[in-house]
Amino acid sequence: MTMQNDHQIIQAIGEGGPFDPVQAIRALARLVASAPAKEPPPAVMADPDAAPAKKRPAKDNTAAE
């Protein structure tokens, strides 16, 4: 199988056309395996010793009469 065949299988799945489930799973697995892994940015990682962030007070949604 080539990347072109993998893309055709994935396109057939997206269009709702007929496809072989075994080939589809293999094509999707190859696609996922070839995707570059991304590391989360350092700002996303939480500091376990940090104090929890304060929540904003809830807005008053009652209508003024």
N, C-alpha and C. Protein backbone atom coordinates (compact mmCIF):
# COMPACT_ATOMS: atom_id res chain seq x y z
N MET A 1 0.84 -1.18 0.00
CA MET A 1 0.00 0.00 0.00
C MET A 1 0.87 1.24 0.00
N THR A 2 0.43 2.20 -0.73
CA THR A 2 1.15 3.47 -0.76
C THR A 2 0.34 4.52 -0.02
N MET A 3 0.96 5.65 0.20
CA MET A 3 0.26 6.74 0.87
C MET A 3 -0.95 7.18 0.04
N GLN A 4 -0.83 7.11 -1.29
CA GLN A 4 -1.96 7.48 -2.16
C GLN A 4 -3.13 6.55 -1.91
N ASN A 5 -2.87 5.25 -1.80
CA ASN A 5 -3.94 4.29 -1.53
C ASN A 5 -4.57 4.55 -0.17
N ASP A 6 -3.72 4.86 0.82
CA ASP A 6 -4.24 5.17 2.16
C ASP A 6 -5.18 6.37 2.11
N HIS A 7 -4.78 7.40 1.37
CA HIS A 7 -5.63 8.59 1.28
C HIS A 7 -6.93 8.28 0.53
N GLN A 8 -6.89 7.41 -0.46
CA GLN A 8 -8.11 7.03 -1.18
C GLN A 8 -9.06 6.26 -0.26
N ILE A 9 -8.50 5.39 0.56
CA ILE A 9 -9.33 4.63 1.51
C ILE A 9 -9.98 5.59 2.51
N ILE A 10 -9.19 6.50 3.05
CA ILE A 10 -9.71 7.46 4.02
C ILE A 10 -10.75 8.37 3.38
N GLN A 11 -10.52 8.75 2.13
CA GLN A 11 -11.49 9.59 1.42
C GLN A 11 -12.80 8.82 1.20
N ALA A 12 -12.70 7.52 0.87
CA ALA A 12 -13.90 6.71 0.68
C ALA A 12 -14.69 6.61 1.98
N ILE A 13 -13.99 6.50 3.10
CA ILE A 13 -14.68 6.46 4.41
C ILE A 13 -15.42 7.78 4.63
N GLY A 14 -14.74 8.89 4.37
CA GLY A 14 -15.34 10.20 4.57
C GLY A 14 -16.55 10.46 3.69
N GLU A 15 -16.52 9.91 2.48
CA GLU A 15 -17.63 10.11 1.56
C GLU A 15 -18.77 9.13 1.81
N GLY A 16 -18.54 8.16 2.68
CA GLY A 16 -19.59 7.19 2.97
C GLY A 16 -19.66 6.08 1.94
N GLY A 17 -18.63 5.94 1.13
CA GLY A 17 -18.60 4.90 0.10
C GLY A 17 -18.19 3.56 0.68
N PRO A 18 -18.24 2.52 -0.13
CA PRO A 18 -17.86 1.19 0.36
C PRO A 18 -16.34 1.12 0.59
N PHE A 19 -15.96 0.40 1.64
CA PHE A 19 -14.55 0.22 1.94
C PHE A 19 -14.37 -1.05 2.75
N ASP A 20 -13.16 -1.59 2.70
CA ASP A 20 -12.82 -2.79 3.46
C ASP A 20 -12.40 -2.34 4.86
N PRO A 21 -13.07 -2.79 5.91
CA PRO A 21 -12.75 -2.32 7.26
C PRO A 21 -11.31 -2.64 7.68
N VAL A 22 -10.79 -3.79 7.27
CA VAL A 22 -9.43 -4.15 7.66
C VAL A 22 -8.44 -3.19 7.00
N GLN A 23 -8.62 -2.92 5.72
CA GLN A 23 -7.74 -1.99 5.03
C GLN A 23 -7.86 -0.59 5.62
N ALA A 24 -9.08 -0.22 6.00
CA ALA A 24 -9.30 1.11 6.58
C ALA A 24 -8.56 1.25 7.90
N ILE A 25 -8.64 0.26 8.76
CA ILE A 25 -7.96 0.31 10.05
C ILE A 25 -6.46 0.38 9.85
N ARG A 26 -5.94 -0.41 8.93
CA ARG A 26 -4.50 -0.39 8.67
C ARG A 26 -4.06 0.95 8.11
N ALA A 27 -4.85 1.52 7.20
CA ALA A 27 -4.50 2.83 6.63
C ALA A 27 -4.52 3.91 7.70
N LEU A 28 -5.53 3.89 8.56
CA LEU A 28 -5.60 4.89 9.63
C LEU A 28 -4.45 4.72 10.61
N ALA A 29 -4.09 3.47 10.91
CA ALA A 29 -2.97 3.22 11.83
C ALA A 29 -1.66 3.74 11.25
N ARG A 30 -1.45 3.54 9.95
CA ARG A 30 -0.23 4.05 9.31
C ARG A 30 -0.22 5.58 9.32
N LEU A 31 -1.38 6.17 9.10
CA LEU A 31 -1.47 7.62 9.09
C LEU A 31 -1.15 8.19 10.47
N VAL A 32 -1.70 7.58 11.51
CA VAL A 32 -1.45 8.05 12.87
C VAL A 32 0.01 7.82 13.26
N ALA A 33 0.57 6.69 12.88
CA ALA A 33 1.96 6.38 13.22
C ALA A 33 2.94 7.32 12.53
N SER A 34 2.58 7.82 11.36
CA SER A 34 3.49 8.69 10.63
C SER A 34 3.35 10.16 11.04
N ALA A 35 2.33 10.49 11.82
CA ALA A 35 2.14 11.87 12.24
C ALA A 35 3.21 12.24 13.27
N PRO A 36 3.77 13.43 13.19
CA PRO A 36 4.79 13.82 14.17
C PRO A 36 4.17 14.02 15.55
N ALA A 37 4.88 13.55 16.55
CA ALA A 37 4.40 13.71 17.93
C ALA A 37 4.67 15.14 18.36
N LYS A 38 3.72 15.72 19.06
CA LYS A 38 3.88 17.09 19.53
C LYS A 38 3.94 17.08 21.05
N GLU A 39 4.86 17.83 21.56
CA GLU A 39 4.97 17.99 23.01
C GLU A 39 4.10 19.18 23.42
N PRO A 40 3.42 19.07 24.54
CA PRO A 40 2.61 20.22 24.97
C PRO A 40 3.53 21.37 25.38
N PRO A 41 3.10 22.59 25.15
CA PRO A 41 3.93 23.72 25.55
C PRO A 41 4.11 23.73 27.08
N PRO A 42 5.22 24.25 27.57
CA PRO A 42 5.47 24.23 29.02
C PRO A 42 4.39 24.95 29.81
N ALA A 43 3.75 25.95 29.24
CA ALA A 43 2.73 26.70 29.98
C ALA A 43 1.51 25.85 30.28
N VAL A 44 1.31 24.77 29.53
CA VAL A 44 0.14 23.93 29.72
C VAL A 44 0.30 23.03 30.94
N MET A 45 1.53 22.67 31.23
CA MET A 45 1.77 21.74 32.32
C MET A 45 1.55 22.46 33.65
N ALA A 46 0.71 21.89 34.49
CA ALA A 46 0.35 22.52 35.76
C ALA A 46 1.42 22.25 36.81
N ASP A 47 1.65 23.24 37.65
CA ASP A 47 2.57 23.09 38.76
C ASP A 47 1.77 22.53 39.94
N PRO A 48 2.12 21.34 40.44
CA PRO A 48 1.33 20.74 41.52
C PRO A 48 1.40 21.54 42.82
N ASP A 49 2.44 22.37 43.01
CA ASP A 49 2.58 23.14 44.24
C ASP A 49 1.92 24.51 44.15
N ALA A 50 1.45 24.87 42.98
CA ALA A 50 0.85 26.20 42.80
C ALA A 50 -0.53 26.24 43.45
N ALA A 51 -0.89 27.41 43.92
CA ALA A 51 -2.21 27.60 44.51
C ALA A 51 -3.26 27.57 43.41
N PRO A 52 -4.44 27.03 43.70
CA PRO A 52 -5.48 27.01 42.67
C PRO A 52 -5.90 28.42 42.28
N ALA A 53 -6.23 28.58 41.02
CA ALA A 53 -6.65 29.88 40.52
C ALA A 53 -8.00 30.26 41.10
N LYS A 54 -8.17 31.54 41.38
CA LYS A 54 -9.46 32.00 41.90
C LYS A 54 -10.46 32.08 40.77
N LYS A 55 -11.67 31.66 41.05
CA LYS A 55 -12.72 31.72 40.04
C LYS A 55 -13.41 33.07 40.12
N ARG A 56 -13.85 33.54 38.95
CA ARG A 56 -14.60 34.79 38.92
C ARG A 56 -15.99 34.54 39.48
N PRO A 57 -16.56 35.53 40.13
CA PRO A 57 -17.93 35.35 40.63
C PRO A 57 -18.90 35.20 39.47
N ALA A 58 -19.96 34.46 39.70
CA ALA A 58 -20.96 34.23 38.66
C ALA A 58 -21.68 35.52 38.34
N LYS A 59 -22.01 35.70 37.06
CA LYS A 59 -22.73 36.89 36.65
C LYS A 59 -24.17 36.80 37.13
N ASP A 60 -24.71 37.96 37.45
CA ASP A 60 -26.11 38.03 37.86
C ASP A 60 -26.94 38.16 36.59
N ASN A 61 -27.63 37.10 36.21
CA ASN A 61 -28.40 37.11 34.97
C ASN A 61 -29.86 37.47 35.18
N THR A 62 -30.24 37.88 36.38
CA THR A 62 -31.64 38.24 36.60
C THR A 62 -31.93 39.57 35.93
N ALA A 63 -33.08 39.67 35.37
CA ALA A 63 -33.47 40.89 34.66
C ALA A 63 -33.81 41.99 35.66
N ALA A 64 -33.39 43.18 35.36
CA ALA A 64 -33.72 44.31 36.22
C ALA A 64 -35.17 44.69 35.98
N GLU A 65 -35.88 44.82 37.05
CA GLU A 65 -37.31 45.12 36.91
C GLU A 65 -37.61 46.56 37.13
